[in-house]
Amino acid sequence: MGDKFAVDIDKVIHERARLLILSYLASNSGKKIQFNELKESLSFTSGNLSVQLKNLEEVKYIKIHKRIKDNKPQTSVSLTPEGLKALKEYLKVMEDLIKTVNNQEDN
């Protein structure tokens, strides 16, 4: 039998929608992003985006900001330092996994 193979993957981030959300927020230099911009940019429905944002907020990877402007509710989202750290750690794990697989192909 071979050696045990274990990869410590953040299960919160390792879901397509949440990975896209965190990546989009990180690529926008930590600015607050309006809910509708995020929804349109990622081609999500309002319901799906709301659920995924709640999941990310529960683990403190994002902050959801709500306010009233011109008598209309506005929601924006920002990446927290914890979220950026978790995303970077996730990407490092993925890079290491890719290197491992690529090294096996070379042998």
PDB file of N, CA and C in Angstrom:
ATOM      1  N   MET A   1       0.832  -1.185   0.000  1.00  0.00           N
ATOM      2  CA  MET A   1       0.000   0.000   0.000  1.00  0.00           C
ATOM      3  C   MET A   1       0.873   1.242   0.000  1.00  0.00           C
ATOM      4  N   GLY A   2       0.325   2.315  -0.577  1.00  0.00           N
ATOM      5  CA  GLY A   2       1.054   3.565  -0.649  1.00  0.00           C
ATOM      6  C   GLY A   2       0.923   4.372   0.626  1.00  0.00           C
ATOM      7  N   ASP A   3       1.659   5.460   0.650  1.00  0.00           N
ATOM      8  CA  ASP A   3       1.565   6.368   1.785  1.00  0.00           C
ATOM      9  C   ASP A   3       0.184   7.016   1.809  1.00  0.00           C
ATOM     10  N   LYS A   4      -0.209   7.429   2.998  1.00  0.00           N
ATOM     11  CA  LYS A   4      -1.475   8.133   3.139  1.00  0.00           C
ATOM     12  C   LYS A   4      -1.375   9.481   2.428  1.00  0.00           C
ATOM     13  N   PHE A   5      -2.413   9.818   1.705  1.00  0.00           N
ATOM     14  CA  PHE A   5      -2.435  11.081   0.968  1.00  0.00           C
ATOM     15  C   PHE A   5      -3.537  11.945   1.554  1.00  0.00           C
ATOM     16  N   ALA A   6      -3.157  13.043   2.169  1.00  0.00           N
ATOM     17  CA  ALA A   6      -4.145  13.928   2.780  1.00  0.00           C
ATOM     18  C   ALA A   6      -3.868  15.367   2.368  1.00  0.00           C
ATOM     19  N   VAL A   7      -4.922  16.051   2.027  1.00  0.00           N
ATOM     20  CA  VAL A   7      -4.828  17.460   1.671  1.00  0.00           C
ATOM     21  C   VAL A   7      -5.819  18.208   2.550  1.00  0.00           C
ATOM     22  N   ASP A   8      -5.339  19.244   3.222  1.00  0.00           N
ATOM     23  CA  ASP A   8      -6.190  20.023   4.116  1.00  0.00           C
ATOM     24  C   ASP A   8      -6.834  21.165   3.329  1.00  0.00           C
ATOM     25  N   ILE A   9      -8.028  20.902   2.807  1.00  0.00           N
ATOM     26  CA  ILE A   9      -8.729  21.881   1.978  1.00  0.00           C
ATOM     27  C   ILE A   9      -9.825  22.547   2.804  1.00  0.00           C
ATOM     28  N   ASP A  10      -9.869  23.875   2.752  1.00  0.00           N
ATOM     29  CA  ASP A  10     -10.915  24.640   3.428  1.00  0.00           C
ATOM     30  C   ASP A  10     -12.243  24.343   2.728  1.00  0.00           C
ATOM     31  N   LYS A  11     -13.116  23.624   3.395  1.00  0.00           N
ATOM     32  CA  LYS A  11     -14.377  23.192   2.784  1.00  0.00           C
ATOM     33  C   LYS A  11     -15.342  24.349   2.529  1.00  0.00           C
ATOM     34  N   VAL A  12     -15.188  25.439   3.262  1.00  0.00           N
ATOM     35  CA  VAL A  12     -16.040  26.604   3.010  1.00  0.00           C
ATOM     36  C   VAL A  12     -15.669  27.227   1.670  1.00  0.00           C
ATOM     37  N   ILE A  13     -14.386  27.397   1.436  1.00  0.00           N
ATOM     38  CA  ILE A  13     -13.932  28.022   0.195  1.00  0.00           C
ATOM     39  C   ILE A  13     -14.029  27.055  -0.977  1.00  0.00           C
ATOM     40  N   HIS A  14     -13.838  25.776  -0.723  1.00  0.00           N
ATOM     41  CA  HIS A  14     -13.776  24.780  -1.799  1.00  0.00           C
ATOM     42  C   HIS A  14     -15.174  24.453  -2.322  1.00  0.00           C
ATOM     43  N   GLU A  15     -15.868  25.465  -2.701  1.00  0.00           N
ATOM     44  CA  GLU A  15     -17.183  25.373  -3.324  1.00  0.00           C
ATOM     45  C   GLU A  15     -17.190  26.478  -4.358  1.00  0.00           C
ATOM     46  N   ARG A  16     -17.571  26.144  -5.572  1.00  0.00           N
ATOM     47  CA  ARG A  16     -17.415  27.044  -6.711  1.00  0.00           C
ATOM     48  C   ARG A  16     -17.916  28.471  -6.439  1.00  0.00           C
ATOM     49  N   ALA A  17     -19.145  28.606  -5.967  1.00  0.00           N
ATOM     50  CA  ALA A  17     -19.727  29.932  -5.772  1.00  0.00           C
ATOM     51  C   ALA A  17     -18.940  30.744  -4.746  1.00  0.00           C
ATOM     52  N   ARG A  18     -18.593  30.121  -3.627  1.00  0.00           N
ATOM     53  CA  ARG A  18     -17.870  30.861  -2.583  1.00  0.00           C
ATOM     54  C   ARG A  18     -16.453  31.204  -3.019  1.00  0.00           C
ATOM     55  N   LEU A  19     -15.822  30.321  -3.773  1.00  0.00           N
ATOM     56  CA  LEU A  19     -14.488  30.613  -4.299  1.00  0.00           C
ATOM     57  C   LEU A  19     -14.543  31.799  -5.258  1.00  0.00           C
ATOM     58  N   LEU A  20     -15.559  31.834  -6.113  1.00  0.00           N
ATOM     59  CA  LEU A  20     -15.717  32.960  -7.038  1.00  0.00           C
ATOM     60  C   LEU A  20     -15.954  34.269  -6.288  1.00  0.00           C
ATOM     61  N   ILE A  21     -16.797  34.233  -5.281  1.00  0.00           N
ATOM     62  CA  ILE A  21     -17.086  35.441  -4.497  1.00  0.00           C
ATOM     63  C   ILE A  21     -15.816  35.969  -3.839  1.00  0.00           C
ATOM     64  N   LEU A  22     -15.096  35.107  -3.138  1.00  0.00           N
ATOM     65  CA  LEU A  22     -13.874  35.546  -2.451  1.00  0.00           C
ATOM     66  C   LEU A  22     -12.832  36.043  -3.443  1.00  0.00           C
ATOM     67  N   SER A  23     -12.697  35.366  -4.563  1.00  0.00           N
ATOM     68  CA  SER A  23     -11.722  35.776  -5.575  1.00  0.00           C
ATOM     69  C   SER A  23     -12.083  37.139  -6.156  1.00  0.00           C
ATOM     70  N   TYR A  24     -13.362  37.352  -6.411  1.00  0.00           N
ATOM     71  CA  TYR A  24     -13.807  38.642  -6.947  1.00  0.00           C
ATOM     72  C   TYR A  24     -13.533  39.758  -5.943  1.00  0.00           C
ATOM     73  N   LEU A  25     -13.878  39.517  -4.692  1.00  0.00           N
ATOM     74  CA  LEU A  25     -13.638  40.534  -3.667  1.00  0.00           C
ATOM     75  C   LEU A  25     -12.146  40.814  -3.513  1.00  0.00           C
ATOM     76  N   ALA A  26     -11.326  39.776  -3.520  1.00  0.00           N
ATOM     77  CA  ALA A  26      -9.877  39.955  -3.375  1.00  0.00           C
ATOM     78  C   ALA A  26      -9.302  40.711  -4.567  1.00  0.00           C
ATOM     79  N   SER A  27      -9.838  40.478  -5.751  1.00  0.00           N
ATOM     80  CA  SER A  27      -9.318  41.146  -6.945  1.00  0.00           C
ATOM     81  C   SER A  27      -9.723  42.615  -7.005  1.00  0.00           C
ATOM     82  N   ASN A  28     -10.620  43.024  -6.139  1.00  0.00           N
ATOM     83  CA  ASN A  28     -11.053  44.419  -6.078  1.00  0.00           C
ATOM     84  C   ASN A  28     -10.448  45.151  -4.886  1.00  0.00           C
ATOM     85  N   SER A  29      -9.281  44.724  -4.488  1.00  0.00           N
ATOM     86  CA  SER A  29      -8.474  45.409  -3.461  1.00  0.00           C
ATOM     87  C   SER A  29      -9.209  45.671  -2.154  1.00  0.00           C
ATOM     88  N   GLY A  30     -10.078  44.772  -1.762  1.00  0.00           N
ATOM     89  CA  GLY A  30     -10.742  44.913  -0.475  1.00  0.00           C
ATOM     90  C   GLY A  30     -11.806  45.987  -0.414  1.00  0.00           C
ATOM     91  N   LYS A  31     -12.188  46.555  -1.555  1.00  0.00           N
ATOM     92  CA  LYS A  31     -13.242  47.573  -1.565  1.00  0.00           C
ATOM     93  C   LYS A  31     -14.593  46.932  -1.268  1.00  0.00           C
ATOM     94  N   LYS A  32     -15.526  47.762  -0.802  1.00  0.00           N
ATOM     95  CA  LYS A  32     -16.902  47.303  -0.656  1.00  0.00           C
ATOM     96  C   LYS A  32     -17.496  47.163  -2.056  1.00  0.00           C
ATOM     97  N   ILE A  33     -18.107  46.022  -2.306  1.00  0.00           N
ATOM     98  CA  ILE A  33     -18.722  45.753  -3.601  1.00  0.00           C
ATOM     99  C   ILE A  33     -20.231  45.664  -3.403  1.00  0.00           C
ATOM    100  N   GLN A  34     -20.967  46.375  -4.229  1.00  0.00           N
ATOM    101  CA  GLN A  34     -22.421  46.345  -4.153  1.00  0.00           C
ATOM    102  C   GLN A  34     -22.948  44.957  -4.504  1.00  0.00           C
ATOM    103  N   PHE A  35     -23.998  44.554  -3.809  1.00  0.00           N
ATOM    104  CA  PHE A  35     -24.622  43.250  -4.014  1.00  0.00           C
ATOM    105  C   PHE A  35     -24.948  43.032  -5.491  1.00  0.00           C
ATOM    106  N   ASN A  36     -25.565  44.025  -6.132  1.00  0.00           N
ATOM    107  CA  ASN A  36     -25.964  43.862  -7.533  1.00  0.00           C
ATOM    108  C   ASN A  36     -24.768  43.728  -8.464  1.00  0.00           C
ATOM    109  N   GLU A  37     -23.695  44.434  -8.184  1.00  0.00           N
ATOM    110  CA  GLU A  37     -22.477  44.287  -8.996  1.00  0.00           C
ATOM    111  C   GLU A  37     -21.941  42.863  -8.880  1.00  0.00           C
ATOM    112  N   LEU A  38     -21.898  42.362  -7.672  1.00  0.00           N
ATOM    113  CA  LEU A  38     -21.415  41.000  -7.437  1.00  0.00           C
ATOM    114  C   LEU A  38     -22.319  39.986  -8.143  1.00  0.00           C
ATOM    115  N   LYS A  39     -23.610  40.170  -8.014  1.00  0.00           N
ATOM    116  CA  LYS A  39     -24.589  39.270  -8.633  1.00  0.00           C
ATOM    117  C   LYS A  39     -24.424  39.250 -10.154  1.00  0.00           C
ATOM    118  N   GLU A  40     -24.321  40.424 -10.752  1.00  0.00           N
ATOM    119  CA  GLU A  40     -24.203  40.503 -12.211  1.00  0.00           C
ATOM    120  C   GLU A  40     -22.842  40.018 -12.696  1.00  0.00           C
ATOM    121  N   SER A  41     -21.790  40.388 -12.010  1.00  0.00           N
ATOM    122  CA  SER A  41     -20.439  40.002 -12.430  1.00  0.00           C
ATOM    123  C   SER A  41     -20.230  38.500 -12.380  1.00  0.00           C
ATOM    124  N   LEU A  42     -20.851  37.840 -11.403  1.00  0.00           N
ATOM    125  CA  LEU A  42     -20.666  36.401 -11.230  1.00  0.00           C
ATOM    126  C   LEU A  42     -21.814  35.578 -11.811  1.00  0.00           C
ATOM    127  N   SER A  43     -22.819  36.266 -12.378  1.00  0.00           N
ATOM    128  CA  SER A  43     -23.991  35.600 -12.978  1.00  0.00           C
ATOM    129  C   SER A  43     -24.710  34.687 -11.985  1.00  0.00           C
ATOM    130  N   PHE A  44     -24.938  35.205 -10.785  1.00  0.00           N
ATOM    131  CA  PHE A  44     -25.667  34.480  -9.751  1.00  0.00           C
ATOM    132  C   PHE A  44     -27.095  35.009  -9.678  1.00  0.00           C
ATOM    133  N   THR A  45     -27.981  34.192  -9.132  1.00  0.00           N
ATOM    134  CA  THR A  45     -29.306  34.696  -8.790  1.00  0.00           C
ATOM    135  C   THR A  45     -29.194  35.400  -7.433  1.00  0.00           C
ATOM    136  N   SER A  46     -30.156  36.246  -7.142  1.00  0.00           N
ATOM    137  CA  SER A  46     -30.148  36.934  -5.841  1.00  0.00           C
ATOM    138  C   SER A  46     -30.189  35.938  -4.691  1.00  0.00           C
ATOM    139  N   GLY A  47     -31.026  34.915  -4.833  1.00  0.00           N
ATOM    140  CA  GLY A  47     -31.157  33.920  -3.768  1.00  0.00           C
ATOM    141  C   GLY A  47     -29.882  33.147  -3.526  1.00  0.00           C
ATOM    142  N   ASN A  48     -29.248  32.682  -4.602  1.00  0.00           N
ATOM    143  CA  ASN A  48     -28.007  31.916  -4.459  1.00  0.00           C
ATOM    144  C   ASN A  48     -26.912  32.785  -3.853  1.00  0.00           C
ATOM    145  N   LEU A  49     -26.790  34.015  -4.333  1.00  0.00           N
ATOM    146  CA  LEU A  49     -25.761  34.902  -3.798  1.00  0.00           C
ATOM    147  C   LEU A  49     -26.003  35.165  -2.315  1.00  0.00           C
ATOM    148  N   SER A  50     -27.235  35.413  -1.935  1.00  0.00           N
ATOM    149  CA  SER A  50     -27.550  35.673  -0.524  1.00  0.00           C
ATOM    150  C   SER A  50     -27.149  34.507   0.370  1.00  0.00           C
ATOM    151  N   VAL A  51     -27.464  33.293  -0.063  1.00  0.00           N
ATOM    152  CA  VAL A  51     -27.121  32.099   0.719  1.00  0.00           C
ATOM    153  C   VAL A  51     -25.610  31.965   0.857  1.00  0.00           C
ATOM    154  N   GLN A  52     -24.889  32.146  -0.241  1.00  0.00           N
ATOM    155  CA  GLN A  52     -23.432  31.990  -0.206  1.00  0.00           C
ATOM    156  C   GLN A  52     -22.785  33.085   0.641  1.00  0.00           C
ATOM    157  N   LEU A  53     -23.293  34.302   0.551  1.00  0.00           N
ATOM    158  CA  LEU A  53     -22.751  35.385   1.374  1.00  0.00           C
ATOM    159  C   LEU A  53     -22.977  35.102   2.855  1.00  0.00           C
ATOM    160  N   LYS A  54     -24.133  34.569   3.187  1.00  0.00           N
ATOM    161  CA  LYS A  54     -24.412  34.230   4.593  1.00  0.00           C
ATOM    162  C   LYS A  54     -23.421  33.180   5.090  1.00  0.00           C
ATOM    163  N   ASN A  55     -23.158  32.166   4.262  1.00  0.00           N
ATOM    164  CA  ASN A  55     -22.185  31.133   4.643  1.00  0.00           C
ATOM    165  C   ASN A  55     -20.804  31.734   4.880  1.00  0.00           C
ATOM    166  N   LEU A  56     -20.397  32.645   4.028  1.00  0.00           N
ATOM    167  CA  LEU A  56     -19.077  33.273   4.171  1.00  0.00           C
ATOM    168  C   LEU A  56     -19.030  34.219   5.370  1.00  0.00           C
ATOM    169  N   GLU A  57     -20.134  34.889   5.637  1.00  0.00           N
ATOM    170  CA  GLU A  57     -20.177  35.798   6.785  1.00  0.00           C
ATOM    171  C   GLU A  57     -20.130  35.013   8.098  1.00  0.00           C
ATOM    172  N   GLU A  58     -20.754  33.849   8.135  1.00  0.00           N
ATOM    173  CA  GLU A  58     -20.761  33.033   9.358  1.00  0.00           C
ATOM    174  C   GLU A  58     -19.356  32.652   9.809  1.00  0.00           C
ATOM    175  N   VAL A  59     -18.442  32.458   8.853  1.00  0.00           N
ATOM    176  CA  VAL A  59     -17.064  32.103   9.208  1.00  0.00           C
ATOM    177  C   VAL A  59     -16.146  33.330   9.199  1.00  0.00           C
ATOM    178  N   LYS A  60     -16.759  34.513   9.079  1.00  0.00           N
ATOM    179  CA  LYS A  60     -16.052  35.795   9.160  1.00  0.00           C
ATOM    180  C   LYS A  60     -15.074  36.032   8.002  1.00  0.00           C
ATOM    181  N   TYR A  61     -15.354  35.438   6.835  1.00  0.00           N
ATOM    182  CA  TYR A  61     -14.516  35.665   5.654  1.00  0.00           C
ATOM    183  C   TYR A  61     -14.930  36.939   4.923  1.00  0.00           C
ATOM    184  N   ILE A  62     -16.175  37.364   5.124  1.00  0.00           N
ATOM    185  CA  ILE A  62     -16.658  38.606   4.526  1.00  0.00           C
ATOM    186  C   ILE A  62     -17.452  39.380   5.562  1.00  0.00           C
ATOM    187  N   LYS A  63     -17.680  40.643   5.261  1.00  0.00           N
ATOM    188  CA  LYS A  63     -18.550  41.493   6.080  1.00  0.00           C
ATOM    189  C   LYS A  63     -19.642  42.003   5.156  1.00  0.00           C
ATOM    190  N   ILE A  64     -20.884  41.881   5.592  1.00  0.00           N
ATOM    191  CA  ILE A  64     -22.019  42.395   4.838  1.00  0.00           C
ATOM    192  C   ILE A  64     -22.428  43.722   5.460  1.00  0.00           C
ATOM    193  N   HIS A  65     -22.502  44.746   4.626  1.00  0.00           N
ATOM    194  CA  HIS A  65     -22.844  46.098   5.071  1.00  0.00           C
ATOM    195  C   HIS A  65     -24.229  46.444   4.526  1.00  0.00           C
ATOM    196  N   LYS A  66     -25.126  46.871   5.398  1.00  0.00           N
ATOM    197  CA  LYS A  66     -26.475  47.255   4.972  1.00  0.00           C
ATOM    198  C   LYS A  66     -26.718  48.695   5.385  1.00  0.00           C
ATOM    199  N   ARG A  67     -27.345  49.445   4.469  1.00  0.00           N
ATOM    200  CA  ARG A  67     -27.696  50.824   4.778  1.00  0.00           C
ATOM    201  C   ARG A  67     -28.901  51.227   3.933  1.00  0.00           C
ATOM    202  N   ILE A  68     -29.476  52.344   4.284  1.00  0.00           N
ATOM    203  CA  ILE A  68     -30.597  52.902   3.534  1.00  0.00           C
ATOM    204  C   ILE A  68     -30.092  54.152   2.822  1.00  0.00           C
ATOM    205  N   LYS A  69     -30.324  54.207   1.508  1.00  0.00           N
ATOM    206  CA  LYS A  69     -29.943  55.382   0.721  1.00  0.00           C
ATOM    207  C   LYS A  69     -31.137  55.751  -0.149  1.00  0.00           C
ATOM    208  N   ASP A  70     -31.582  56.974  -0.028  1.00  0.00           N
ATOM    209  CA  ASP A  70     -32.767  57.437  -0.762  1.00  0.00           C
ATOM    210  C   ASP A  70     -33.965  56.518  -0.516  1.00  0.00           C
ATOM    211  N   ASN A  71     -34.154  56.155   0.733  1.00  0.00           N
ATOM    212  CA  ASN A  71     -35.251  55.277   1.160  1.00  0.00           C
ATOM    213  C   ASN A  71     -35.210  53.887   0.535  1.00  0.00           C
ATOM    214  N   LYS A  72     -34.055  53.474   0.045  1.00  0.00           N
ATOM    215  CA  LYS A  72     -33.902  52.138  -0.530  1.00  0.00           C
ATOM    216  C   LYS A  72     -32.782  51.409   0.208  1.00  0.00           C
ATOM    217  N   PRO A  73     -33.016  50.139   0.532  1.00  0.00           N
ATOM    218  CA  PRO A  73     -31.944  49.379   1.185  1.00  0.00           C
ATOM    219  C   PRO A  73     -30.816  49.083   0.201  1.00  0.00           C
ATOM    220  N   GLN A  74     -29.600  49.209   0.679  1.00  0.00           N
ATOM    221  CA  GLN A  74     -28.432  48.876  -0.137  1.00  0.00           C
ATOM    222  C   GLN A  74     -27.550  47.921   0.647  1.00  0.00           C
ATOM    223  N   THR A  75     -27.075  46.908  -0.045  1.00  0.00           N
ATOM    224  CA  THR A  75     -26.193  45.919   0.564  1.00  0.00           C
ATOM    225  C   THR A  75     -24.883  45.912  -0.189  1.00  0.00           C
ATOM    226  N   SER A  76     -23.804  45.966   0.558  1.00  0.00           N
ATOM    227  CA  SER A  76     -22.479  45.820  -0.040  1.00  0.00           C
ATOM    228  C   SER A  76     -21.709  44.779   0.773  1.00  0.00           C
ATOM    229  N   VAL A  77     -20.645  44.303   0.180  1.00  0.00           N
ATOM    230  CA  VAL A  77     -19.880  43.203   0.769  1.00  0.00           C
ATOM    231  C   VAL A  77     -18.404  43.547   0.696  1.00  0.00           C
ATOM    232  N   SER A  78     -17.659  43.203   1.734  1.00  0.00           N
ATOM    233  CA  SER A  78     -16.204  43.383   1.697  1.00  0.00           C
ATOM    234  C   SER A  78     -15.520  42.142   2.265  1.00  0.00           C
ATOM    235  N   LEU A  79     -14.319  41.928   1.798  1.00  0.00           N
ATOM    236  CA  LEU A  79     -13.492  40.816   2.256  1.00  0.00           C
ATOM    237  C   LEU A  79     -12.835  41.208   3.573  1.00  0.00           C
ATOM    238  N   THR A  80     -12.857  40.332   4.544  1.00  0.00           N
ATOM    239  CA  THR A  80     -12.198  40.599   5.823  1.00  0.00           C
ATOM    240  C   THR A  80     -10.737  40.142   5.743  1.00  0.00           C
ATOM    241  N   PRO A  81      -9.893  40.608   6.662  1.00  0.00           N
ATOM    242  CA  PRO A  81      -8.520  40.098   6.700  1.00  0.00           C
ATOM    243  C   PRO A  81      -8.485  38.577   6.864  1.00  0.00           C
ATOM    244  N   GLU A  82      -9.414  38.034   7.670  1.00  0.00           N
ATOM    245  CA  GLU A  82      -9.489  36.579   7.843  1.00  0.00           C
ATOM    246  C   GLU A  82      -9.833  35.886   6.528  1.00  0.00           C
ATOM    247  N   GLY A  83     -10.728  36.504   5.758  1.00  0.00           N
ATOM    248  CA  GLY A  83     -11.118  35.943   4.471  1.00  0.00           C
ATOM    249  C   GLY A  83      -9.976  35.943   3.478  1.00  0.00           C
ATOM    250  N   LEU A  84      -9.218  37.037   3.446  1.00  0.00           N
ATOM    251  CA  LEU A  84      -8.069  37.114   2.546  1.00  0.00           C
ATOM    252  C   LEU A  84      -7.017  36.084   2.934  1.00  0.00           C
ATOM    253  N   LYS A  85      -6.773  35.953   4.233  1.00  0.00           N
ATOM    254  CA  LYS A  85      -5.801  34.962   4.711  1.00  0.00           C
ATOM    255  C   LYS A  85      -6.242  33.548   4.336  1.00  0.00           C
ATOM    256  N   ALA A  86      -7.516  33.245   4.551  1.00  0.00           N
ATOM    257  CA  ALA A  86      -8.038  31.911   4.229  1.00  0.00           C
ATOM    258  C   ALA A  86      -7.951  31.638   2.731  1.00  0.00           C
ATOM    259  N   LEU A  87      -8.251  32.633   1.909  1.00  0.00           N
ATOM    260  CA  LEU A  87      -8.169  32.460   0.455  1.00  0.00           C
ATOM    261  C   LEU A  87      -6.733  32.198   0.031  1.00  0.00           C
ATOM    262  N   LYS A  88      -5.797  32.952   0.583  1.00  0.00           N
ATOM    263  CA  LYS A  88      -4.383  32.741   0.243  1.00  0.00           C
ATOM    264  C   LYS A  88      -3.915  31.351   0.671  1.00  0.00           C
ATOM    265  N   GLU A  89      -4.332  30.914   1.853  1.00  0.00           N
ATOM    266  CA  GLU A  89      -3.963  29.570   2.322  1.00  0.00           C
ATOM    267  C   GLU A  89      -4.570  28.499   1.419  1.00  0.00           C
ATOM    268  N   TYR A  90      -5.814  28.690   1.013  1.00  0.00           N
ATOM    269  CA  TYR A  90      -6.480  27.752   0.107  1.00  0.00           C
ATOM    270  C   TYR A  90      -5.717  27.671  -1.218  1.00  0.00           C
ATOM    271  N   LEU A  91      -5.361  28.825  -1.770  1.00  0.00           N
ATOM    272  CA  LEU A  91      -4.638  28.847  -3.047  1.00  0.00           C
ATOM    273  C   LEU A  91      -3.271  28.181  -2.921  1.00  0.00           C
ATOM    274  N   LYS A  92      -2.622  28.345  -1.778  1.00  0.00           N
ATOM    275  CA  LYS A  92      -1.327  27.690  -1.549  1.00  0.00           C
ATOM    276  C   LYS A  92      -1.489  26.175  -1.539  1.00  0.00           C
ATOM    277  N   VAL A  93      -2.523  25.683  -0.876  1.00  0.00           N
ATOM    278  CA  VAL A  93      -2.790  24.239  -0.851  1.00  0.00           C
ATOM    279  C   VAL A  93      -3.029  23.736  -2.272  1.00  0.00           C
ATOM    280  N   MET A  94      -3.799  24.491  -3.048  1.00  0.00           N
ATOM    281  CA  MET A  94      -4.069  24.087  -4.435  1.00  0.00           C
ATOM    282  C   MET A  94      -2.783  24.089  -5.270  1.00  0.00           C
ATOM    283  N   GLU A  95      -1.937  25.114  -5.081  1.00  0.00           N
ATOM    284  CA  GLU A  95      -0.652  25.165  -5.796  1.00  0.00           C
ATOM    285  C   GLU A  95       0.207  23.954  -5.458  1.00  0.00           C
ATOM    286  N   ASP A  96       0.275  23.619  -4.177  1.00  0.00           N
ATOM    287  CA  ASP A  96       1.067  22.459  -3.749  1.00  0.00           C
ATOM    288  C   ASP A  96       0.513  21.168  -4.343  1.00  0.00           C
ATOM    289  N   LEU A  97      -0.798  21.050  -4.385  1.00  0.00           N
ATOM    290  CA  LEU A  97      -1.436  19.867  -4.958  1.00  0.00           C
ATOM    291  C   LEU A  97      -1.131  19.756  -6.453  1.00  0.00           C
ATOM    292  N   ILE A  98      -1.196  20.869  -7.151  1.00  0.00           N
ATOM    293  CA  ILE A  98      -0.878  20.879  -8.586  1.00  0.00           C
ATOM    294  C   ILE A  98       0.571  20.471  -8.809  1.00  0.00           C
ATOM    295  N   LYS A  99       1.475  21.001  -7.998  1.00  0.00           N
ATOM    296  CA  LYS A  99       2.892  20.629  -8.123  1.00  0.00           C
ATOM    297  C   LYS A  99       3.083  19.135  -7.890  1.00  0.00           C
ATOM    298  N   THR A 100       2.405  18.598  -6.882  1.00  0.00           N
ATOM    299  CA  THR A 100       2.517  17.168  -6.587  1.00  0.00           C
ATOM    300  C   THR A 100       2.053  16.337  -7.771  1.00  0.00           C
ATOM    301  N   VAL A 101       0.926  16.687  -8.335  1.00  0.00           N
ATOM    302  CA  VAL A 101       0.390  15.943  -9.478  1.00  0.00           C
ATOM    303  C   VAL A 101       1.304  16.092 -10.688  1.00  0.00           C
ATOM    304  N   ASN A 102       1.768  17.303 -10.948  1.00  0.00           N
ATOM    305  CA  ASN A 102       2.660  17.526 -12.090  1.00  0.00           C
ATOM    306  C   ASN A 102       3.971  16.773 -11.934  1.00  0.00           C
ATOM    307  N   ASN A 103       4.492  16.695 -10.712  1.00  0.00           N
ATOM    308  CA  ASN A 103       5.726  15.943 -10.471  1.00  0.00           C
ATOM    309  C   ASN A 103       5.520  14.461 -10.730  1.00  0.00           C
ATOM    310  N   GLN A 104       4.337  13.936 -10.430  1.00  0.00           N
ATOM    311  CA  GLN A 104       4.038  12.527 -10.703  1.00  0.00           C
ATOM    312  C   GLN A 104       4.003  12.260 -12.204  1.00  0.00           C
ATOM    313  N   GLU A 105       3.515  13.227 -12.974  1.00  0.00           N
ATOM    314  CA  GLU A 105       3.471  13.071 -14.428  1.00  0.00           C
ATOM    315  C   GLU A 105       4.875  13.016 -15.012  1.00  0.00           C
ATOM    316  N   ASP A 106       5.802  13.739 -14.392  1.00  0.00           N
ATOM    317  CA  ASP A 106       7.177  13.800 -14.896  1.00  0.00           C
ATOM    318  C   ASP A 106       7.955  12.530 -14.593  1.00  0.00           C
ATOM    319  N   ASN A 107       7.508  11.739 -13.632  1.00  0.00           N
ATOM    320  CA  ASN A 107       8.234  10.519 -13.236  1.00  0.00           C
ATOM    321  C   ASN A 107       7.867   9.350 -14.104  1.00  0.00           C
TER     322      ASN A 107
END
